């Protein structure tokens, strides 16, 4: 038997991510959300202190422009408000509106039962191992990205 190919794991993780995004979209569609909107709202909801689009993008490991597009969509839907930032006139602070908080809480309340249903046939040991492997891959990606960034 040949050694396992880590490329196959990465390809499967990418497929899983795509399917999770599609399933997440379906899970929260009736709330006017998408997986991307829900994820950005989660970063806003769990932030300590005020955040700009650049702050959110750094925490998510995404480009500011892509996060800004989602923030603009959320603002158009009345789910976030953009507040003046005394430190930077153009980089406004983003906060959930009461309507946004309610939508985020409703979406988040759906996550645990959904995840438990998906994992019904997976043992605790396998879940633990999978989580550890994904964390190690995340750390390796962060480390390689830091090493590749210009000083």
N, C-alpha and C. Protein backbone atom coordinates (compact mmCIF):
# COMPACT_ATOMS: atom_id res chain seq x y z
N UNK A 1 0.85 -1.18 0.00
CA UNK A 1 0.00 0.00 0.00
C UNK A 1 0.90 1.24 0.00
N UNK A 2 0.59 2.18 -0.88
CA UNK A 2 1.40 3.40 -0.97
C UNK A 2 0.98 4.40 0.10
N UNK A 3 1.86 5.34 0.37
CA UNK A 3 1.60 6.37 1.38
C UNK A 3 0.43 7.24 0.93
N UNK A 4 -0.38 7.70 1.88
CA UNK A 4 -1.51 8.55 1.51
C UNK A 4 -1.01 9.87 0.90
N UNK A 5 -1.75 10.37 -0.06
CA UNK A 5 -1.40 11.60 -0.75
C UNK A 5 -2.09 12.78 -0.06
N UNK A 6 -1.34 13.69 0.59
CA UNK A 6 -1.97 14.82 1.28
C UNK A 6 -2.76 15.72 0.33
N UNK A 7 -2.42 15.68 -0.95
CA UNK A 7 -3.17 16.48 -1.93
C UNK A 7 -4.63 16.04 -1.96
N UNK A 8 -4.86 14.74 -1.82
CA UNK A 8 -6.24 14.24 -1.83
C UNK A 8 -7.02 14.79 -0.63
N UNK A 9 -6.36 14.92 0.51
CA UNK A 9 -7.01 15.49 1.69
C UNK A 9 -7.38 16.95 1.43
N UNK A 10 -6.47 17.72 0.85
CA UNK A 10 -6.75 19.12 0.56
C UNK A 10 -7.88 19.28 -0.45
N UNK A 11 -7.91 18.42 -1.47
CA UNK A 11 -8.99 18.46 -2.46
C UNK A 11 -10.32 18.13 -1.80
N UNK A 12 -10.33 17.13 -0.94
CA UNK A 12 -11.56 16.75 -0.24
C UNK A 12 -12.01 17.87 0.70
N UNK A 13 -11.06 18.54 1.37
CA UNK A 13 -11.41 19.66 2.24
C UNK A 13 -12.02 20.80 1.43
N UNK A 14 -11.49 21.06 0.24
CA UNK A 14 -12.05 22.10 -0.62
C UNK A 14 -13.46 21.74 -1.06
N UNK A 15 -13.67 20.48 -1.42
CA UNK A 15 -15.02 20.03 -1.80
C UNK A 15 -15.98 20.17 -0.63
N UNK A 16 -15.52 19.78 0.56
CA UNK A 16 -16.34 19.91 1.76
C UNK A 16 -16.70 21.38 2.00
N UNK A 17 -15.74 22.26 1.86
CA UNK A 17 -15.99 23.69 2.04
C UNK A 17 -17.06 24.19 1.07
N UNK A 18 -16.95 23.80 -0.19
CA UNK A 18 -17.94 24.22 -1.18
C UNK A 18 -19.34 23.70 -0.82
N UNK A 19 -19.40 22.44 -0.41
CA UNK A 19 -20.71 21.86 -0.04
C UNK A 19 -21.26 22.47 1.24
N UNK A 20 -20.37 22.77 2.18
CA UNK A 20 -20.82 23.42 3.42
C UNK A 20 -21.35 24.82 3.13
N UNK A 21 -20.70 25.55 2.23
CA UNK A 21 -21.20 26.87 1.86
C UNK A 21 -22.59 26.77 1.24
N UNK A 22 -22.77 25.82 0.33
CA UNK A 22 -24.07 25.65 -0.32
C UNK A 22 -25.14 25.24 0.70
N UNK A 23 -24.80 24.30 1.58
CA UNK A 23 -25.76 23.86 2.60
C UNK A 23 -26.03 24.98 3.60
N UNK A 24 -25.00 25.75 3.96
CA UNK A 24 -25.18 26.89 4.86
C UNK A 24 -26.07 27.94 4.23
N UNK A 25 -25.89 28.17 2.93
CA UNK A 25 -26.77 29.11 2.22
C UNK A 25 -28.23 28.68 2.34
N UNK A 26 -28.48 27.39 2.13
CA UNK A 26 -29.85 26.87 2.21
C UNK A 26 -30.39 26.96 3.63
N UNK A 27 -29.53 26.74 4.62
CA UNK A 27 -29.95 26.75 6.02
C UNK A 27 -30.44 28.13 6.46
N UNK A 28 -29.86 29.20 5.92
CA UNK A 28 -30.19 30.55 6.38
C UNK A 28 -30.82 31.43 5.31
N UNK A 29 -31.17 30.85 4.18
CA UNK A 29 -31.74 31.62 3.07
C UNK A 29 -32.99 32.39 3.48
N UNK A 30 -33.84 31.78 4.28
CA UNK A 30 -35.09 32.45 4.67
C UNK A 30 -34.85 33.64 5.59
N UNK A 31 -33.64 33.78 6.12
CA UNK A 31 -33.28 34.91 6.96
C UNK A 31 -32.65 36.04 6.15
N UNK A 32 -32.54 35.86 4.82
CA UNK A 32 -31.90 36.84 3.97
C UNK A 32 -30.38 36.76 4.04
N UNK A 33 -29.88 35.63 4.51
CA UNK A 33 -28.44 35.47 4.67
C UNK A 33 -27.89 34.48 3.65
N UNK A 34 -26.59 34.53 3.51
CA UNK A 34 -25.80 33.53 2.80
C UNK A 34 -24.72 33.07 3.78
N UNK A 35 -24.00 32.04 3.43
CA UNK A 35 -22.90 31.61 4.29
C UNK A 35 -21.90 32.73 4.49
N UNK A 36 -21.59 33.46 3.42
CA UNK A 36 -20.61 34.55 3.52
C UNK A 36 -21.12 35.65 4.45
N UNK A 37 -22.37 36.02 4.32
CA UNK A 37 -22.93 37.05 5.20
C UNK A 37 -22.92 36.59 6.65
N UNK A 38 -23.31 35.34 6.86
CA UNK A 38 -23.36 34.78 8.20
C UNK A 38 -21.97 34.75 8.83
N UNK A 39 -20.97 34.38 8.04
CA UNK A 39 -19.59 34.33 8.55
C UNK A 39 -19.10 35.72 8.95
N UNK A 40 -19.36 36.72 8.11
CA UNK A 40 -18.94 38.08 8.44
C UNK A 40 -19.68 38.56 9.69
N UNK A 41 -20.96 38.26 9.77
CA UNK A 41 -21.73 38.65 10.95
C UNK A 41 -21.15 37.99 12.21
N UNK A 42 -20.69 36.76 12.08
CA UNK A 42 -20.10 36.06 13.22
C UNK A 42 -18.84 36.73 13.71
N UNK A 43 -18.02 37.22 12.79
CA UNK A 43 -16.79 37.91 13.18
C UNK A 43 -17.14 39.23 13.86
N UNK A 44 -18.15 39.92 13.34
CA UNK A 44 -18.59 41.17 13.97
C UNK A 44 -19.13 40.88 15.37
N UNK A 45 -19.97 39.86 15.47
CA UNK A 45 -20.63 39.53 16.75
C UNK A 45 -19.64 39.12 17.83
N UNK A 46 -18.53 38.51 17.44
CA UNK A 46 -17.57 38.01 18.43
C UNK A 46 -16.37 38.92 18.62
N UNK A 47 -16.35 40.04 17.91
CA UNK A 47 -15.22 40.97 18.02
C UNK A 47 -15.24 41.66 19.38
N UNK A 48 -14.07 41.94 19.87
CA UNK A 48 -13.96 42.76 21.08
C UNK A 48 -13.63 44.16 20.62
N UNK A 49 -14.58 45.04 20.71
CA UNK A 49 -14.39 46.40 20.26
C UNK A 49 -14.85 46.61 18.84
N UNK A 50 -14.72 47.84 18.39
CA UNK A 50 -15.17 48.24 17.05
C UNK A 50 -14.26 47.63 15.98
N UNK A 51 -14.85 47.32 14.83
CA UNK A 51 -14.10 46.71 13.73
C UNK A 51 -14.39 47.43 12.43
N UNK A 52 -13.36 47.53 11.60
CA UNK A 52 -13.50 48.02 10.23
C UNK A 52 -13.51 46.81 9.29
N UNK A 53 -13.79 47.04 8.02
CA UNK A 53 -13.75 45.95 7.05
C UNK A 53 -12.35 45.33 7.00
N UNK A 54 -11.32 46.15 7.12
CA UNK A 54 -9.94 45.63 7.12
C UNK A 54 -9.69 44.74 8.33
N UNK A 55 -10.22 45.14 9.49
CA UNK A 55 -10.08 44.31 10.69
C UNK A 55 -10.75 42.95 10.49
N UNK A 56 -11.97 42.98 9.95
CA UNK A 56 -12.71 41.73 9.72
C UNK A 56 -11.96 40.85 8.74
N UNK A 57 -11.47 41.44 7.66
CA UNK A 57 -10.75 40.69 6.64
C UNK A 57 -9.51 40.01 7.21
N UNK A 58 -8.76 40.73 8.05
CA UNK A 58 -7.58 40.13 8.68
C UNK A 58 -7.97 38.93 9.53
N UNK A 59 -9.02 39.07 10.34
CA UNK A 59 -9.45 37.96 11.20
C UNK A 59 -9.91 36.76 10.38
N UNK A 60 -10.48 37.02 9.21
CA UNK A 60 -11.02 35.94 8.39
C UNK A 60 -9.99 35.39 7.40
N UNK A 61 -8.88 36.09 7.22
CA UNK A 61 -7.88 35.66 6.25
C UNK A 61 -8.33 35.89 4.82
N UNK A 62 -9.12 36.95 4.61
CA UNK A 62 -9.66 37.26 3.29
C UNK A 62 -9.21 38.65 2.85
N UNK A 63 -9.45 38.95 1.58
CA UNK A 63 -9.15 40.28 1.06
C UNK A 63 -10.18 41.28 1.59
N UNK A 64 -9.72 42.47 1.89
CA UNK A 64 -10.62 43.52 2.40
C UNK A 64 -11.76 43.78 1.44
N UNK A 65 -11.47 43.79 0.15
CA UNK A 65 -12.49 44.10 -0.84
C UNK A 65 -13.65 43.10 -0.80
N UNK A 66 -13.33 41.83 -0.64
CA UNK A 66 -14.40 40.83 -0.61
C UNK A 66 -15.26 40.97 0.65
N UNK A 67 -14.61 41.27 1.77
CA UNK A 67 -15.36 41.49 3.01
C UNK A 67 -16.18 42.76 2.90
N UNK A 68 -15.63 43.80 2.29
CA UNK A 68 -16.35 45.06 2.13
C UNK A 68 -17.62 44.86 1.30
N UNK A 69 -17.54 44.04 0.26
CA UNK A 69 -18.74 43.76 -0.56
C UNK A 69 -19.83 43.12 0.29
N UNK A 70 -19.45 42.16 1.14
CA UNK A 70 -20.43 41.50 2.00
C UNK A 70 -20.99 42.50 3.02
N UNK A 71 -20.12 43.32 3.59
CA UNK A 71 -20.56 44.34 4.55
C UNK A 71 -21.56 45.29 3.88
N UNK A 72 -21.28 45.68 2.64
CA UNK A 72 -22.20 46.56 1.92
C UNK A 72 -23.56 45.89 1.73
N UNK A 73 -23.55 44.60 1.38
CA UNK A 73 -24.81 43.85 1.24
C UNK A 73 -25.57 43.83 2.57
N UNK A 74 -24.84 43.56 3.66
CA UNK A 74 -25.47 43.52 4.99
C UNK A 74 -26.05 44.88 5.37
N UNK A 75 -25.34 45.95 5.02
CA UNK A 75 -25.84 47.30 5.31
C UNK A 75 -27.10 47.58 4.49
N UNK A 76 -27.10 47.17 3.21
CA UNK A 76 -28.27 47.38 2.36
C UNK A 76 -29.50 46.65 2.91
N UNK A 77 -29.27 45.51 3.58
CA UNK A 77 -30.35 44.73 4.16
C UNK A 77 -30.74 45.22 5.56
N UNK A 78 -30.02 46.18 6.08
CA UNK A 78 -30.30 46.70 7.42
C UNK A 78 -29.82 45.79 8.53
N UNK A 79 -28.85 44.91 8.23
CA UNK A 79 -28.35 43.97 9.23
C UNK A 79 -27.11 44.48 9.96
N UNK A 80 -26.41 45.44 9.34
CA UNK A 80 -25.29 46.11 10.00
C UNK A 80 -25.43 47.60 9.76
N UNK A 81 -24.81 48.35 10.64
CA UNK A 81 -24.72 49.80 10.42
C UNK A 81 -23.25 50.18 10.36
N UNK A 82 -22.98 51.23 9.62
CA UNK A 82 -21.63 51.74 9.47
C UNK A 82 -21.55 53.03 10.28
N UNK A 83 -20.62 53.06 11.22
CA UNK A 83 -20.52 54.13 12.19
C UNK A 83 -19.22 54.88 11.96
N UNK A 84 -19.28 56.21 12.09
CA UNK A 84 -18.06 57.01 11.92
C UNK A 84 -16.96 56.51 12.84
N UNK A 85 -15.74 56.51 12.29
CA UNK A 85 -14.55 56.08 13.01
C UNK A 85 -13.69 57.31 13.25
N UNK A 86 -13.55 57.74 14.48
CA UNK A 86 -12.77 58.96 14.74
C UNK A 86 -11.30 58.84 14.32
N UNK A 87 -10.79 57.61 14.22
CA UNK A 87 -9.39 57.41 13.85
C UNK A 87 -9.16 57.42 12.34
N UNK A 88 -10.23 57.23 11.56
CA UNK A 88 -10.07 57.13 10.11
C UNK A 88 -11.40 57.44 9.44
N UNK A 89 -11.47 58.55 8.74
CA UNK A 89 -12.74 59.01 8.16
C UNK A 89 -13.35 58.04 7.16
N UNK A 90 -12.51 57.33 6.39
CA UNK A 90 -13.04 56.46 5.34
C UNK A 90 -13.26 55.02 5.80
N UNK A 91 -12.59 54.59 6.86
CA UNK A 91 -12.71 53.21 7.35
C UNK A 91 -13.70 53.21 8.51
N UNK A 92 -14.97 53.06 8.17
CA UNK A 92 -16.00 53.16 9.20
C UNK A 92 -16.09 51.87 10.01
N UNK A 93 -16.55 52.02 11.24
CA UNK A 93 -16.78 50.86 12.11
C UNK A 93 -18.08 50.18 11.70
N UNK A 94 -18.10 48.88 11.87
CA UNK A 94 -19.25 48.06 11.46
C UNK A 94 -19.83 47.41 12.71
N UNK A 95 -21.13 47.52 12.86
CA UNK A 95 -21.78 46.86 14.00
C UNK A 95 -23.10 46.27 13.55
N UNK A 96 -23.49 45.19 14.23
CA UNK A 96 -24.78 44.58 13.94
C UNK A 96 -25.88 45.50 14.41
N UNK A 97 -26.95 45.60 13.63
CA UNK A 97 -28.15 46.30 14.07
C UNK A 97 -28.96 45.33 14.92
N UNK A 98 -29.98 45.80 15.63
CA UNK A 98 -30.84 44.84 16.35
C UNK A 98 -31.41 43.76 15.43
N UNK A 99 -31.79 44.15 14.22
CA UNK A 99 -32.30 43.17 13.26
C UNK A 99 -31.19 42.18 12.87
N UNK A 100 -29.96 42.69 12.71
CA UNK A 100 -28.83 41.83 12.39
C UNK A 100 -28.50 40.86 13.52
N UNK A 101 -28.56 41.37 14.76
CA UNK A 101 -28.32 40.49 15.91
C UNK A 101 -29.35 39.37 15.96
N UNK A 102 -30.61 39.70 15.71
CA UNK A 102 -31.68 38.68 15.74
C UNK A 102 -31.45 37.64 14.65
N UNK A 103 -31.10 38.09 13.44
CA UNK A 103 -30.85 37.15 12.34
C UNK A 103 -29.64 36.27 12.64
N UNK A 104 -28.59 36.88 13.18
CA UNK A 104 -27.38 36.11 13.51
C UNK A 104 -27.69 35.06 14.58
N UNK A 105 -28.41 35.45 15.62
CA UNK A 105 -28.76 34.50 16.68
C UNK A 105 -29.63 33.36 16.15
N UNK A 106 -30.58 33.68 15.30
CA UNK A 106 -31.44 32.65 14.71
C UNK A 106 -30.60 31.69 13.86
N UNK A 107 -29.73 32.23 13.02
CA UNK A 107 -28.87 31.40 12.18
C UNK A 107 -27.96 30.52 13.03
N UNK A 108 -27.37 31.12 14.05
CA UNK A 108 -26.46 30.36 14.92
C UNK A 108 -27.18 29.27 15.68
N UNK A 109 -28.42 29.51 16.04
CA UNK A 109 -29.20 28.48 16.72
C UNK A 109 -29.49 27.27 15.85
N UNK A 110 -29.44 27.46 14.56
CA UNK A 110 -29.67 26.35 13.63
C UNK A 110 -28.42 25.51 13.40
N UNK A 111 -27.25 26.09 13.69
CA UNK A 111 -25.98 25.44 13.36
C UNK A 111 -25.76 24.13 14.12
N UNK A 112 -25.96 24.13 15.43
CA UNK A 112 -25.65 22.93 16.23
C UNK A 112 -26.50 21.72 15.83
N UNK A 113 -27.82 21.86 15.73
CA UNK A 113 -28.61 20.69 15.30
C UNK A 113 -28.21 20.21 13.91
N UNK A 114 -27.91 21.14 13.01
CA UNK A 114 -27.49 20.79 11.66
C UNK A 114 -26.19 20.01 11.70
N UNK A 115 -25.20 20.51 12.46
CA UNK A 115 -23.90 19.84 12.56
C UNK A 115 -24.05 18.46 13.19
N UNK A 116 -24.87 18.35 14.22
CA UNK A 116 -25.07 17.05 14.86
C UNK A 116 -25.70 16.05 13.91
N UNK A 117 -26.62 16.50 13.08
CA UNK A 117 -27.24 15.62 12.09
C UNK A 117 -26.20 15.13 11.09
N UNK A 118 -25.34 16.04 10.65
CA UNK A 118 -24.30 15.65 9.69
C UNK A 118 -23.33 14.63 10.27
N UNK A 119 -23.06 14.75 11.56
CA UNK A 119 -22.05 13.90 12.20
C UNK A 119 -22.63 12.65 12.87
N UNK A 120 -23.87 12.34 12.61
CA UNK A 120 -24.54 11.22 13.26
C UNK A 120 -23.74 9.92 13.19
N UNK A 121 -23.16 9.62 12.05
CA UNK A 121 -22.47 8.34 11.86
C UNK A 121 -20.95 8.44 12.03
N UNK A 122 -20.49 9.50 12.69
CA UNK A 122 -19.05 9.69 12.90
C UNK A 122 -18.76 9.58 14.39
N UNK A 123 -17.81 8.73 14.74
CA UNK A 123 -17.50 8.52 16.16
C UNK A 123 -16.85 9.77 16.76
N UNK A 124 -16.93 9.87 18.09
CA UNK A 124 -16.27 10.98 18.78
C UNK A 124 -14.77 10.98 18.50
N UNK A 125 -14.17 9.80 18.48
CA UNK A 125 -12.73 9.70 18.23
C UNK A 125 -12.39 10.21 16.82
N UNK A 126 -13.20 9.84 15.84
CA UNK A 126 -12.96 10.32 14.47
C UNK A 126 -13.16 11.82 14.37
N UNK A 127 -14.20 12.34 15.03
CA UNK A 127 -14.41 13.79 15.04
C UNK A 127 -13.22 14.50 15.66
N UNK A 128 -12.73 13.98 16.76
CA UNK A 128 -11.57 14.57 17.43
C UNK A 128 -10.35 14.55 16.52
N UNK A 129 -10.08 13.42 15.89
CA UNK A 129 -8.94 13.30 14.98
C UNK A 129 -9.07 14.26 13.81
N UNK A 130 -10.26 14.32 13.22
CA UNK A 130 -10.48 15.22 12.09
C UNK A 130 -10.24 16.67 12.50
N UNK A 131 -10.74 17.05 13.66
CA UNK A 131 -10.55 18.41 14.14
C UNK A 131 -9.07 18.72 14.33
N UNK A 132 -8.33 17.78 14.90
CA UNK A 132 -6.90 17.99 15.12
C UNK A 132 -6.15 18.12 13.79
N UNK A 133 -6.51 17.30 12.82
CA UNK A 133 -5.86 17.36 11.50
C UNK A 133 -6.15 18.70 10.84
N UNK A 134 -7.40 19.16 10.88
CA UNK A 134 -7.74 20.44 10.26
C UNK A 134 -7.03 21.60 10.96
N UNK A 135 -6.92 21.54 12.27
CA UNK A 135 -6.20 22.59 13.00
C UNK A 135 -4.73 22.60 12.59
N UNK A 136 -4.12 21.43 12.45
CA UNK A 136 -2.71 21.37 12.06
C UNK A 136 -2.51 21.90 10.65
N UNK A 137 -3.43 21.57 9.75
CA UNK A 137 -3.34 22.10 8.38
C UNK A 137 -3.50 23.62 8.39
N UNK A 138 -4.43 24.13 9.19
CA UNK A 138 -4.61 25.59 9.30
C UNK A 138 -3.33 26.26 9.79
N UNK A 139 -2.73 25.68 10.83
CA UNK A 139 -1.47 26.25 11.36
C UNK A 139 -0.38 26.20 10.30
N UNK A 140 -0.30 25.11 9.57
CA UNK A 140 0.72 24.98 8.52
C UNK A 140 0.49 26.02 7.43
N UNK A 141 -0.76 26.24 7.05
CA UNK A 141 -1.05 27.25 6.04
C UNK A 141 -0.71 28.66 6.53
N UNK A 142 -1.06 28.94 7.77
CA UNK A 142 -0.72 30.25 8.36
C UNK A 142 0.79 30.44 8.40
N UNK A 143 1.49 29.40 8.80
CA UNK A 143 2.94 29.47 8.89
C UNK A 143 3.57 29.67 7.52
N UNK A 144 3.09 28.94 6.52
CA UNK A 144 3.67 29.07 5.17
C UNK A 144 3.29 30.42 4.55
N UNK A 145 2.12 30.95 4.87
CA UNK A 145 1.73 32.27 4.37
C UNK A 145 2.58 33.35 5.00
N UNK A 146 2.87 33.19 6.29
CA UNK A 146 3.72 34.18 6.99
C UNK A 146 5.14 34.14 6.44
N UNK A 147 5.61 32.95 6.15
CA UNK A 147 6.97 32.81 5.62
C UNK A 147 7.08 33.38 4.21
N UNK A 148 5.98 33.29 3.45
CA UNK A 148 5.99 33.76 2.07
C UNK A 148 5.75 35.26 1.96
N UNK A 149 5.23 35.88 3.02
CA UNK A 149 4.94 37.33 2.99
C UNK A 149 6.23 38.12 3.02
N UNK A 150 6.26 39.19 2.20
CA UNK A 150 7.47 40.04 2.22
C UNK A 150 7.59 40.75 3.56
N UNK A 151 8.78 40.92 4.01
CA UNK A 151 9.03 41.55 5.30
C UNK A 151 8.82 43.04 5.26
